[in-house]
Amino acid sequence: MNVITYGEHTIDPTKLPVESINALLRRGVSHFLGNEQASKLTAWVESVTKDGGAVPDDSAKAAKKTELIKAAIEALASGTVGTRVSGPRVEPIEATRNAIAKKEVLDILRAANIKVPKGEEAVRFADGTQKTLAQMVATRLEKFGDRIEKEAQKKLADDARRVKAAQATTAAAESKTADALGL
C-alpha cells in the first residue's frame, strides 16, 4: 500500500492499528455513500429541472438514490473509486500563470463589451482574425510571459507565507489550549 500524503504530513497505512483503519473505512464509506451520492442526486435533480422540467417526485428521487448507491458500491468492488479520466495536472506555477493571463484577457474583453467566448467559440477582431479564449490566453502569455511569471511567483510566495502564518497561529492556539488544560 502506498504512503498517504496530506500537506506536509505522510502516513504509512501499514503502520496504523486495525482500529484506526476500521474507523477510517467507516468514515470514508459513510462519506462516499452518503455525502457524495447525495451531491450527485442534487445535481441530477437540478439537471432535470434546469430547462423548466418538473421536479422529480420522492419516488423518482428514491429510485435515483438507489441507482447511485448501487453504482458506487460496484465502483468500490471493482477498484475504480478515486480514479477518473482527466488531463495531466499542471505545476502550481503554470496554473497560476494561466489564471493570471486568463483574468487579464477576461478583463480586457469585458472592458471592451465583448462577449466572452465559451469552448470553441471565437471572437472576431477588427483585422479579421478569430481567436478562442484559450488562444487569447496563449497569446497573452506569449507577449507578457516574463511579467506574468514574476507575478505568479510572487502570488505563490505570498500564498505560502499566508499558509505558514496560519499554521503558526493554529499551532500557538493549540499549544495555549493544551497549556490551559494542563496537558
N, C-alpha and C. Protein backbone atom coordinates (compact mmCIF):
# COMPACT_ATOMS: atom_id res chain seq x y z
N MET A 1 0.85 -1.18 0.00
CA MET A 1 0.00 0.00 0.00
C MET A 1 0.89 1.23 0.00
N ASN A 2 0.52 2.25 -0.73
CA ASN A 2 1.31 3.47 -0.83
C ASN A 2 1.19 4.33 0.43
N VAL A 3 2.23 5.12 0.64
CA VAL A 3 2.20 6.10 1.72
C VAL A 3 1.20 7.18 1.33
N ILE A 4 0.43 7.67 2.30
CA ILE A 4 -0.57 8.70 2.05
C ILE A 4 0.03 10.04 2.46
N THR A 5 -0.10 11.03 1.58
CA THR A 5 0.43 12.35 1.87
C THR A 5 -0.73 13.30 2.09
N TYR A 6 -0.63 14.09 3.16
CA TYR A 6 -1.62 15.12 3.47
C TYR A 6 -0.84 16.37 3.82
N GLY A 7 -0.78 17.32 2.87
CA GLY A 7 0.05 18.51 3.08
C GLY A 7 1.49 18.11 3.25
N GLU A 8 2.09 18.49 4.35
CA GLU A 8 3.49 18.15 4.63
C GLU A 8 3.61 16.83 5.40
N HIS A 9 2.49 16.22 5.73
CA HIS A 9 2.48 15.02 6.55
C HIS A 9 2.34 13.77 5.69
N THR A 10 2.96 12.69 6.14
CA THR A 10 2.81 11.40 5.46
C THR A 10 2.38 10.35 6.47
N ILE A 11 1.59 9.43 5.99
CA ILE A 11 1.09 8.35 6.84
C ILE A 11 1.35 7.04 6.10
N ASP A 12 1.96 6.09 6.80
CA ASP A 12 2.16 4.76 6.25
C ASP A 12 1.01 3.90 6.74
N PRO A 13 0.04 3.57 5.88
CA PRO A 13 -1.14 2.81 6.32
C PRO A 13 -0.78 1.46 6.93
N THR A 14 0.35 0.89 6.54
CA THR A 14 0.72 -0.43 7.07
C THR A 14 1.11 -0.35 8.54
N LYS A 15 1.34 0.85 9.04
CA LYS A 15 1.74 1.02 10.44
C LYS A 15 0.58 1.47 11.33
N LEU A 16 -0.60 1.60 10.76
CA LEU A 16 -1.76 2.01 11.54
C LEU A 16 -2.39 0.79 12.22
N PRO A 17 -2.89 0.97 13.44
CA PRO A 17 -3.60 -0.13 14.10
C PRO A 17 -4.91 -0.43 13.37
N VAL A 18 -5.37 -1.66 13.49
CA VAL A 18 -6.60 -2.10 12.82
C VAL A 18 -7.78 -1.21 13.19
N GLU A 19 -7.84 -0.78 14.46
CA GLU A 19 -8.95 0.07 14.91
C GLU A 19 -8.99 1.38 14.13
N SER A 20 -7.83 1.97 13.89
CA SER A 20 -7.77 3.23 13.13
C SER A 20 -8.18 3.00 11.68
N ILE A 21 -7.72 1.91 11.11
CA ILE A 21 -8.07 1.60 9.71
C ILE A 21 -9.58 1.39 9.60
N ASN A 22 -10.16 0.64 10.54
CA ASN A 22 -11.61 0.40 10.50
C ASN A 22 -12.39 1.70 10.68
N ALA A 23 -11.93 2.57 11.59
CA ALA A 23 -12.62 3.85 11.80
C ALA A 23 -12.55 4.70 10.54
N LEU A 24 -11.38 4.74 9.88
CA LEU A 24 -11.25 5.50 8.64
C LEU A 24 -12.12 4.91 7.54
N LEU A 25 -12.19 3.59 7.47
CA LEU A 25 -13.05 2.95 6.47
C LEU A 25 -14.52 3.30 6.70
N ARG A 26 -14.97 3.23 7.97
CA ARG A 26 -16.36 3.57 8.26
C ARG A 26 -16.65 5.01 7.84
N ARG A 27 -15.76 5.93 8.21
CA ARG A 27 -15.96 7.34 7.85
C ARG A 27 -15.94 7.53 6.34
N GLY A 28 -14.99 6.88 5.68
CA GLY A 28 -14.88 7.01 4.23
C GLY A 28 -16.09 6.46 3.50
N VAL A 29 -16.54 5.27 3.91
CA VAL A 29 -17.71 4.65 3.28
C VAL A 29 -18.95 5.50 3.54
N SER A 30 -19.09 5.99 4.76
CA SER A 30 -20.23 6.84 5.10
C SER A 30 -20.24 8.10 4.25
N HIS A 31 -19.07 8.72 4.10
CA HIS A 31 -18.98 9.93 3.28
C HIS A 31 -19.26 9.61 1.81
N PHE A 32 -18.63 8.53 1.31
CA PHE A 32 -18.76 8.17 -0.10
C PHE A 32 -20.20 7.81 -0.47
N LEU A 33 -20.82 6.96 0.34
CA LEU A 33 -22.19 6.54 0.02
C LEU A 33 -23.22 7.57 0.44
N GLY A 34 -22.89 8.39 1.43
CA GLY A 34 -23.83 9.41 1.89
C GLY A 34 -23.67 10.72 1.16
N ASN A 35 -22.68 11.49 1.57
CA ASN A 35 -22.50 12.86 1.05
C ASN A 35 -22.27 12.90 -0.46
N GLU A 36 -21.36 12.07 -0.95
CA GLU A 36 -21.04 12.15 -2.38
C GLU A 36 -22.22 11.75 -3.26
N GLN A 37 -22.96 10.73 -2.85
CA GLN A 37 -24.11 10.31 -3.67
C GLN A 37 -25.26 11.31 -3.52
N ALA A 38 -25.39 11.92 -2.33
CA ALA A 38 -26.42 12.95 -2.14
C ALA A 38 -26.12 14.15 -3.04
N SER A 39 -24.84 14.48 -3.17
CA SER A 39 -24.44 15.58 -4.05
C SER A 39 -24.78 15.25 -5.51
N LYS A 40 -24.55 14.01 -5.91
CA LYS A 40 -24.89 13.60 -7.27
C LYS A 40 -26.41 13.63 -7.49
N LEU A 41 -27.15 13.25 -6.45
CA LEU A 41 -28.62 13.28 -6.54
C LEU A 41 -29.10 14.72 -6.71
N THR A 42 -28.53 15.63 -5.94
CA THR A 42 -28.89 17.05 -6.05
C THR A 42 -28.58 17.57 -7.45
N ALA A 43 -27.41 17.21 -7.98
CA ALA A 43 -27.04 17.64 -9.33
C ALA A 43 -28.01 17.06 -10.36
N TRP A 44 -28.43 15.82 -10.17
CA TRP A 44 -29.39 15.20 -11.08
C TRP A 44 -30.71 15.96 -11.05
N VAL A 45 -31.21 16.27 -9.85
CA VAL A 45 -32.48 17.00 -9.73
C VAL A 45 -32.36 18.35 -10.43
N GLU A 46 -31.24 19.04 -10.21
CA GLU A 46 -31.03 20.35 -10.86
C GLU A 46 -30.98 20.21 -12.37
N SER A 47 -30.34 19.15 -12.89
CA SER A 47 -30.26 18.99 -14.34
C SER A 47 -31.63 18.68 -14.94
N VAL A 48 -32.45 17.93 -14.22
CA VAL A 48 -33.79 17.58 -14.70
C VAL A 48 -34.69 18.82 -14.73
N THR A 49 -34.54 19.69 -13.73
CA THR A 49 -35.41 20.87 -13.63
C THR A 49 -34.83 22.10 -14.30
N LYS A 50 -33.59 22.00 -14.80
CA LYS A 50 -32.88 23.15 -15.37
C LYS A 50 -33.67 23.87 -16.45
N ASP A 51 -34.19 23.14 -17.38
CA ASP A 51 -34.87 23.76 -18.52
C ASP A 51 -36.38 23.75 -18.34
N GLY A 52 -36.82 24.03 -17.12
CA GLY A 52 -38.26 24.12 -16.86
C GLY A 52 -38.94 22.79 -16.67
N GLY A 53 -38.17 21.72 -16.48
CA GLY A 53 -38.77 20.42 -16.25
C GLY A 53 -39.37 20.34 -14.86
N ALA A 54 -40.25 19.38 -14.68
CA ALA A 54 -40.90 19.20 -13.38
C ALA A 54 -39.91 18.61 -12.38
N VAL A 55 -40.04 19.02 -11.13
CA VAL A 55 -39.20 18.48 -10.06
C VAL A 55 -39.58 17.01 -9.87
N PRO A 56 -38.59 16.11 -9.86
CA PRO A 56 -38.91 14.69 -9.67
C PRO A 56 -39.60 14.48 -8.32
N ASP A 57 -40.56 13.55 -8.29
CA ASP A 57 -41.24 13.28 -7.02
C ASP A 57 -40.35 12.41 -6.13
N ASP A 58 -40.79 12.17 -4.90
CA ASP A 58 -40.00 11.44 -3.92
C ASP A 58 -39.63 10.04 -4.39
N SER A 59 -40.54 9.37 -5.08
CA SER A 59 -40.24 8.01 -5.54
C SER A 59 -39.16 8.02 -6.63
N ALA A 60 -39.20 9.02 -7.50
CA ALA A 60 -38.16 9.13 -8.54
C ALA A 60 -36.80 9.44 -7.91
N LYS A 61 -36.81 10.31 -6.90
CA LYS A 61 -35.57 10.63 -6.19
C LYS A 61 -35.02 9.40 -5.47
N ALA A 62 -35.92 8.64 -4.83
CA ALA A 62 -35.50 7.43 -4.11
C ALA A 62 -34.91 6.41 -5.08
N ALA A 63 -35.53 6.27 -6.25
CA ALA A 63 -35.02 5.33 -7.25
C ALA A 63 -33.64 5.77 -7.75
N LYS A 64 -33.49 7.06 -7.99
CA LYS A 64 -32.20 7.57 -8.45
C LYS A 64 -31.13 7.39 -7.37
N LYS A 65 -31.50 7.64 -6.11
CA LYS A 65 -30.57 7.47 -4.99
C LYS A 65 -30.11 6.02 -4.92
N THR A 66 -31.04 5.08 -5.05
CA THR A 66 -30.71 3.66 -5.03
C THR A 66 -29.75 3.31 -6.17
N GLU A 67 -30.04 3.85 -7.35
CA GLU A 67 -29.19 3.62 -8.52
C GLU A 67 -27.77 4.16 -8.28
N LEU A 68 -27.67 5.36 -7.73
CA LEU A 68 -26.37 5.97 -7.47
C LEU A 68 -25.57 5.18 -6.43
N ILE A 69 -26.23 4.76 -5.37
CA ILE A 69 -25.54 3.99 -4.32
C ILE A 69 -25.10 2.63 -4.86
N LYS A 70 -25.95 2.00 -5.66
CA LYS A 70 -25.58 0.71 -6.26
C LYS A 70 -24.35 0.87 -7.15
N ALA A 71 -24.32 1.92 -7.96
CA ALA A 71 -23.16 2.17 -8.83
C ALA A 71 -21.92 2.47 -8.00
N ALA A 72 -22.09 3.17 -6.88
CA ALA A 72 -20.95 3.49 -6.01
C ALA A 72 -20.39 2.23 -5.38
N ILE A 73 -21.26 1.33 -4.94
CA ILE A 73 -20.80 0.07 -4.34
C ILE A 73 -20.10 -0.78 -5.40
N GLU A 74 -20.61 -0.78 -6.61
CA GLU A 74 -19.94 -1.51 -7.71
C GLU A 74 -18.56 -0.91 -7.98
N ALA A 75 -18.46 0.42 -7.91
CA ALA A 75 -17.16 1.07 -8.11
C ALA A 75 -16.19 0.69 -6.99
N LEU A 76 -16.69 0.59 -5.76
CA LEU A 76 -15.86 0.13 -4.64
C LEU A 76 -15.34 -1.29 -4.91
N ALA A 77 -16.25 -2.17 -5.33
CA ALA A 77 -15.89 -3.57 -5.55
C ALA A 77 -14.93 -3.74 -6.73
N SER A 78 -15.05 -2.88 -7.73
CA SER A 78 -14.19 -3.02 -8.92
C SER A 78 -12.87 -2.27 -8.79
N GLY A 79 -12.74 -1.48 -7.72
CA GLY A 79 -11.48 -0.75 -7.52
C GLY A 79 -11.36 0.51 -8.34
N THR A 80 -12.49 1.05 -8.79
CA THR A 80 -12.42 2.25 -9.63
C THR A 80 -12.76 3.53 -8.88
N VAL A 81 -12.96 3.45 -7.56
CA VAL A 81 -13.23 4.65 -6.77
C VAL A 81 -11.96 5.48 -6.72
N GLY A 82 -12.11 6.76 -6.95
CA GLY A 82 -10.94 7.64 -6.89
C GLY A 82 -10.16 7.69 -8.17
N THR A 83 -10.57 6.94 -9.16
CA THR A 83 -9.90 7.03 -10.45
C THR A 83 -10.84 7.74 -11.40
N ARG A 84 -10.30 8.67 -12.11
CA ARG A 84 -11.12 9.38 -13.08
C ARG A 84 -10.23 9.74 -14.25
N VAL A 85 -10.86 9.91 -15.36
CA VAL A 85 -10.12 10.28 -16.55
C VAL A 85 -10.03 11.79 -16.59
N SER A 86 -8.83 12.29 -16.58
CA SER A 86 -8.65 13.73 -16.68
C SER A 86 -7.30 13.99 -17.32
N GLY A 87 -7.12 15.20 -17.73
CA GLY A 87 -5.85 15.58 -18.33
C GLY A 87 -4.76 15.63 -17.28
N PRO A 88 -3.54 15.76 -17.73
CA PRO A 88 -2.44 15.83 -16.77
C PRO A 88 -2.53 17.09 -15.92
N ARG A 89 -2.14 16.97 -14.66
CA ARG A 89 -2.14 18.11 -13.76
C ARG A 89 -0.96 18.99 -14.11
N VAL A 90 -1.14 20.28 -13.94
CA VAL A 90 -0.05 21.21 -14.22
C VAL A 90 0.59 21.65 -12.92
N GLU A 91 1.82 22.10 -13.02
CA GLU A 91 2.54 22.59 -11.85
C GLU A 91 1.84 23.85 -11.34
N PRO A 92 1.95 24.13 -10.04
CA PRO A 92 1.30 25.32 -9.47
C PRO A 92 1.70 26.61 -10.17
N ILE A 93 2.96 26.75 -10.55
CA ILE A 93 3.40 27.99 -11.21
C ILE A 93 2.70 28.14 -12.56
N GLU A 94 2.55 27.03 -13.28
CA GLU A 94 1.89 27.10 -14.59
C GLU A 94 0.40 27.41 -14.44
N ALA A 95 -0.23 26.79 -13.45
CA ALA A 95 -1.65 27.05 -13.20
C ALA A 95 -1.86 28.52 -12.82
N THR A 96 -0.97 29.05 -12.01
CA THR A 96 -1.08 30.45 -11.58
C THR A 96 -0.85 31.40 -12.75
N ARG A 97 0.16 31.11 -13.58
CA ARG A 97 0.40 31.93 -14.79
C ARG A 97 -0.84 31.94 -15.68
N ASN A 98 -1.40 30.76 -15.91
CA ASN A 98 -2.59 30.66 -16.76
C ASN A 98 -3.76 31.43 -16.17
N ALA A 99 -3.95 31.35 -14.86
CA ALA A 99 -5.06 32.05 -14.21
C ALA A 99 -4.88 33.57 -14.34
N ILE A 100 -3.65 34.05 -14.17
CA ILE A 100 -3.39 35.50 -14.29
C ILE A 100 -3.66 35.96 -15.72
N ALA A 101 -3.13 35.21 -16.69
CA ALA A 101 -3.33 35.58 -18.09
C ALA A 101 -4.81 35.54 -18.47
N LYS A 102 -5.53 34.54 -18.00
CA LYS A 102 -6.96 34.43 -18.32
C LYS A 102 -7.72 35.61 -17.71
N LYS A 103 -7.41 35.96 -16.47
CA LYS A 103 -8.09 37.10 -15.82
C LYS A 103 -7.85 38.37 -16.62
N GLU A 104 -6.61 38.58 -17.07
CA GLU A 104 -6.30 39.78 -17.85
C GLU A 104 -7.09 39.80 -19.15
N VAL A 105 -7.17 38.66 -19.83
CA VAL A 105 -7.92 38.59 -21.09
C VAL A 105 -9.40 38.87 -20.83
N LEU A 106 -9.95 38.26 -19.78
CA LEU A 106 -11.37 38.48 -19.46
C LEU A 106 -11.64 39.94 -19.13
N ASP A 107 -10.73 40.56 -18.37
CA ASP A 107 -10.89 41.98 -18.03
C ASP A 107 -10.90 42.84 -19.29
N ILE A 108 -10.01 42.55 -20.23
CA ILE A 108 -9.93 43.31 -21.47
C ILE A 108 -11.21 43.14 -22.30
N LEU A 109 -11.67 41.88 -22.42
CA LEU A 109 -12.89 41.62 -23.19
C LEU A 109 -14.09 42.34 -22.58
N ARG A 110 -14.22 42.25 -21.27
CA ARG A 110 -15.36 42.89 -20.60
C ARG A 110 -15.30 44.40 -20.71
N ALA A 111 -14.10 44.97 -20.59
CA ALA A 111 -13.95 46.43 -20.71
C ALA A 111 -14.34 46.91 -22.10
N ALA A 112 -14.13 46.05 -23.09
CA ALA A 112 -14.49 46.39 -24.47
C ALA A 112 -15.91 45.94 -24.81
N ASN A 113 -16.66 45.47 -23.81
CA ASN A 113 -18.03 44.97 -24.02
C ASN A 113 -18.09 43.87 -25.07
N ILE A 114 -17.09 42.99 -25.05
CA ILE A 114 -17.07 41.84 -25.97
C ILE A 114 -17.48 40.62 -25.18
N LYS A 115 -18.43 39.86 -25.72
CA LYS A 115 -18.91 38.65 -25.06
C LYS A 115 -17.76 37.66 -24.94
N VAL A 116 -17.61 37.10 -23.75
CA VAL A 116 -16.55 36.11 -23.50
C VAL A 116 -16.91 34.82 -24.23
N PRO A 117 -16.03 34.34 -25.12
CA PRO A 117 -16.34 33.11 -25.85
C PRO A 117 -16.24 31.89 -24.95
N LYS A 118 -17.03 30.87 -25.24
CA LYS A 118 -17.01 29.63 -24.48
C LYS A 118 -16.55 28.50 -25.40
N GLY A 119 -15.77 27.60 -24.84
CA GLY A 119 -15.33 26.43 -25.59
C GLY A 119 -14.60 26.81 -26.87
N GLU A 120 -15.14 26.34 -27.98
CA GLU A 120 -14.51 26.60 -29.28
C GLU A 120 -15.04 27.85 -29.98
N GLU A 121 -15.92 28.60 -29.29
CA GLU A 121 -16.39 29.87 -29.86
C GLU A 121 -15.19 30.79 -30.01
N ALA A 122 -15.25 31.66 -31.01
CA ALA A 122 -14.15 32.59 -31.24
C ALA A 122 -14.67 34.02 -31.31
N VAL A 123 -13.79 34.93 -31.00
CA VAL A 123 -14.08 36.36 -31.12
C VAL A 123 -13.44 36.81 -32.43
N ARG A 124 -14.20 37.55 -33.24
CA ARG A 124 -13.65 38.09 -34.49
C ARG A 124 -13.18 39.51 -34.20
N PHE A 125 -11.93 39.77 -34.50
CA PHE A 125 -11.35 41.09 -34.26
C PHE A 125 -11.44 41.94 -35.52
N ALA A 126 -11.18 43.24 -35.37
CA ALA A 126 -11.31 44.21 -36.48
C ALA A 126 -10.44 43.82 -37.67
N ASP A 127 -9.28 43.21 -37.41
CA ASP A 127 -8.40 42.83 -38.53
C ASP A 127 -8.83 41.53 -39.20
N GLY A 128 -9.95 40.95 -38.74
CA GLY A 128 -10.48 39.74 -39.37
C GLY A 128 -10.04 38.45 -38.70
N THR A 129 -9.06 38.52 -37.81
CA THR A 129 -8.62 37.29 -37.14
C THR A 129 -9.66 36.85 -36.12
N GLN A 130 -9.67 35.57 -35.87
CA GLN A 130 -10.58 35.00 -34.88
C GLN A 130 -9.75 34.21 -33.88
N LYS A 131 -10.11 34.35 -32.59
CA LYS A 131 -9.40 33.61 -31.56
C LYS A 131 -10.37 33.12 -30.50
N THR A 132 -10.12 31.91 -30.04
CA THR A 132 -10.86 31.37 -28.91
C THR A 132 -10.26 31.96 -27.64
N LEU A 133 -10.93 31.74 -26.52
CA LEU A 133 -10.40 32.22 -25.24
C LEU A 133 -9.04 31.59 -24.96
N ALA A 134 -8.91 30.30 -25.22
CA ALA A 134 -7.64 29.61 -24.99
C ALA A 134 -6.52 30.22 -25.84
N GLN A 135 -6.83 30.56 -27.07
CA GLN A 135 -5.83 31.17 -27.95
C GLN A 135 -5.45 32.57 -27.45
N MET A 136 -6.45 33.32 -26.96
CA MET A 136 -6.15 34.66 -26.43
C MET A 136 -5.27 34.57 -25.19
N VAL A 137 -5.52 33.59 -24.33
CA VAL A 137 -4.70 33.40 -23.13
C VAL A 137 -3.28 33.03 -23.55
N ALA A 138 -3.14 32.14 -24.52
CA ALA A 138 -1.82 31.74 -25.00
C ALA A 138 -1.06 32.95 -25.57
N THR A 139 -1.76 33.80 -26.32
CA THR A 139 -1.14 35.00 -26.88
C THR A 139 -0.70 35.94 -25.76
N ARG A 140 -1.54 36.07 -24.76
CA ARG A 140 -1.21 36.94 -23.62
C ARG A 140 0.05 36.44 -22.92
N LEU A 141 0.15 35.13 -22.73
CA LEU A 141 1.33 34.54 -22.10
C LEU A 141 2.58 34.72 -22.98
N GLU A 142 2.37 34.63 -24.26
CA GLU A 142 3.48 34.80 -25.21
C GLU A 142 4.03 36.24 -25.16
N LYS A 143 3.13 37.21 -25.15
CA LYS A 143 3.54 38.62 -25.18
C LYS A 143 4.03 39.14 -23.84
N PHE A 144 3.41 38.68 -22.74
CA PHE A 144 3.70 39.24 -21.43
C PHE A 144 4.18 38.17 -20.44
N GLY A 145 4.75 37.11 -20.97
CA GLY A 145 5.14 35.96 -20.15
C GLY A 145 6.07 36.29 -19.00
N ASP A 146 7.08 37.14 -19.22
CA ASP A 146 8.04 37.45 -18.15
C ASP A 146 7.36 38.15 -16.99
N ARG A 147 6.54 39.16 -17.30
CA ARG A 147 5.83 39.89 -16.24
C ARG A 147 4.86 38.97 -15.51
N ILE A 148 4.13 38.15 -16.25
CA ILE A 148 3.16 37.24 -15.65
C ILE A 148 3.87 36.19 -14.80
N GLU A 149 5.02 35.72 -15.25
CA GLU A 149 5.81 34.75 -14.48
C GLU A 149 6.21 35.33 -13.13
N LYS A 150 6.70 36.56 -13.12
CA LYS A 150 7.10 37.21 -11.87
C LYS A 150 5.90 37.39 -10.94
N GLU A 151 4.77 37.79 -11.52
CA GLU A 151 3.56 37.98 -10.73
C GLU A 151 3.09 36.64 -10.14
N ALA A 152 3.19 35.57 -10.93
CA ALA A 152 2.79 34.24 -10.46
C ALA A 152 3.71 33.77 -9.33
N GLN A 153 5.01 34.00 -9.47
CA GLN A 153 5.95 33.61 -8.42
C GLN A 153 5.65 34.37 -7.13
N LYS A 154 5.36 35.65 -7.27
CA LYS A 154 5.04 36.47 -6.09
C LYS A 154 3.77 35.97 -5.42
N LYS A 155 2.75 35.64 -6.23
CA LYS A 155 1.49 35.15 -5.68
C LYS A 155 1.70 33.84 -4.94
N LEU A 156 2.45 32.91 -5.53
CA LEU A 156 2.70 31.64 -4.86
C LEU A 156 3.48 31.82 -3.57
N ALA A 157 4.47 32.74 -3.58
CA ALA A 157 5.24 33.02 -2.36
C ALA A 157 4.34 33.64 -1.30
N ASP A 158 3.47 34.56 -1.69
CA ASP A 158 2.53 35.18 -0.74
C ASP A 158 1.58 34.13 -0.16
N ASP A 159 1.08 33.24 -1.02
CA ASP A 159 0.18 32.17 -0.57
C ASP A 159 0.89 31.27 0.44
N ALA A 160 2.13 30.90 0.13
CA ALA A 160 2.90 30.03 1.04
C ALA A 160 3.13 30.73 2.38
N ARG A 161 3.41 32.03 2.33
CA ARG A 161 3.63 32.80 3.55
C ARG A 161 2.35 32.83 4.40
N ARG A 162 1.20 33.02 3.75
CA ARG A 162 -0.07 33.05 4.47
C ARG A 162 -0.38 31.70 5.10
N VAL A 163 -0.10 30.62 4.37
CA VAL A 163 -0.34 29.28 4.91
C VAL A 163 0.55 29.04 6.12
N LYS A 164 1.82 29.41 6.00
CA LYS A 164 2.76 29.21 7.11
C LYS A 164 2.32 30.02 8.33
N ALA A 165 1.87 31.26 8.12
CA ALA A 165 1.41 32.10 9.22
C ALA A 165 0.17 31.50 9.87
N ALA A 166 -0.75 30.98 9.05
CA ALA A 166 -1.97 30.37 9.59
C ALA A 166 -1.62 29.12 10.39
N GLN A 167 -0.67 28.33 9.89
CA GLN A 167 -0.25 27.14 10.63
C GLN A 167 0.39 27.51 11.95
N ALA A 168 1.20 28.57 11.96
CA ALA A 168 1.84 29.02 13.20
C ALA A 168 0.79 29.51 14.19
N THR A 169 -0.20 30.23 13.71
CA THR A 169 -1.27 30.72 14.57
C THR A 169 -2.06 29.56 15.16
N THR A 170 -2.36 28.57 14.34
CA THR A 170 -3.09 27.39 14.80
C THR A 170 -2.27 26.62 15.83
N ALA A 171 -0.99 26.44 15.56
CA ALA A 171 -0.12 25.73 16.50
C ALA A 171 -0.04 26.46 17.83
N ALA A 172 0.06 27.79 17.78
CA ALA A 172 0.12 28.58 19.01
C ALA A 172 -1.18 28.46 19.79
N ALA A 173 -2.30 28.50 19.09
CA ALA A 173 -3.60 28.39 19.76
C ALA A 173 -3.76 27.00 20.38
N GLU A 174 -3.33 25.97 19.67
CA GLU A 174 -3.42 24.61 20.21
C GLU A 174 -2.53 24.46 21.43
N SER A 175 -1.33 25.04 21.36
CA SER A 175 -0.40 24.98 22.49
C SER A 175 -0.98 25.71 23.70
N LYS A 176 -1.58 26.87 23.45
CA LYS A 176 -2.18 27.66 24.53
C LYS A 176 -3.34 26.89 25.16
N THR A 177 -4.16 26.25 24.34
CA THR A 177 -5.27 25.45 24.83
C THR A 177 -4.76 24.27 25.65
N ALA A 178 -3.71 23.61 25.15
CA ALA A 178 -3.14 22.46 25.86
C ALA A 178 -2.58 22.91 27.21
N ASP A 179 -1.91 24.07 27.24
CA ASP A 179 -1.37 24.61 28.49
C ASP A 179 -2.49 24.92 29.47
N ALA A 180 -3.56 25.53 28.95
CA ALA A 180 -4.69 25.89 29.81
C ALA A 180 -5.36 24.66 30.40
N LEU A 181 -5.36 23.58 29.64
CA LEU A 181 -5.97 22.35 30.12
C LEU A 181 -5.01 21.50 30.93
N GLY A 182 -3.75 21.95 31.01
CA GLY A 182 -2.75 21.22 31.76
C GLY A 182 -2.30 19.94 31.07
N LEU A 183 -2.33 19.94 29.76
CA LEU A 183 -1.93 18.74 29.00
C LEU A 183 -0.48 18.76 28.64
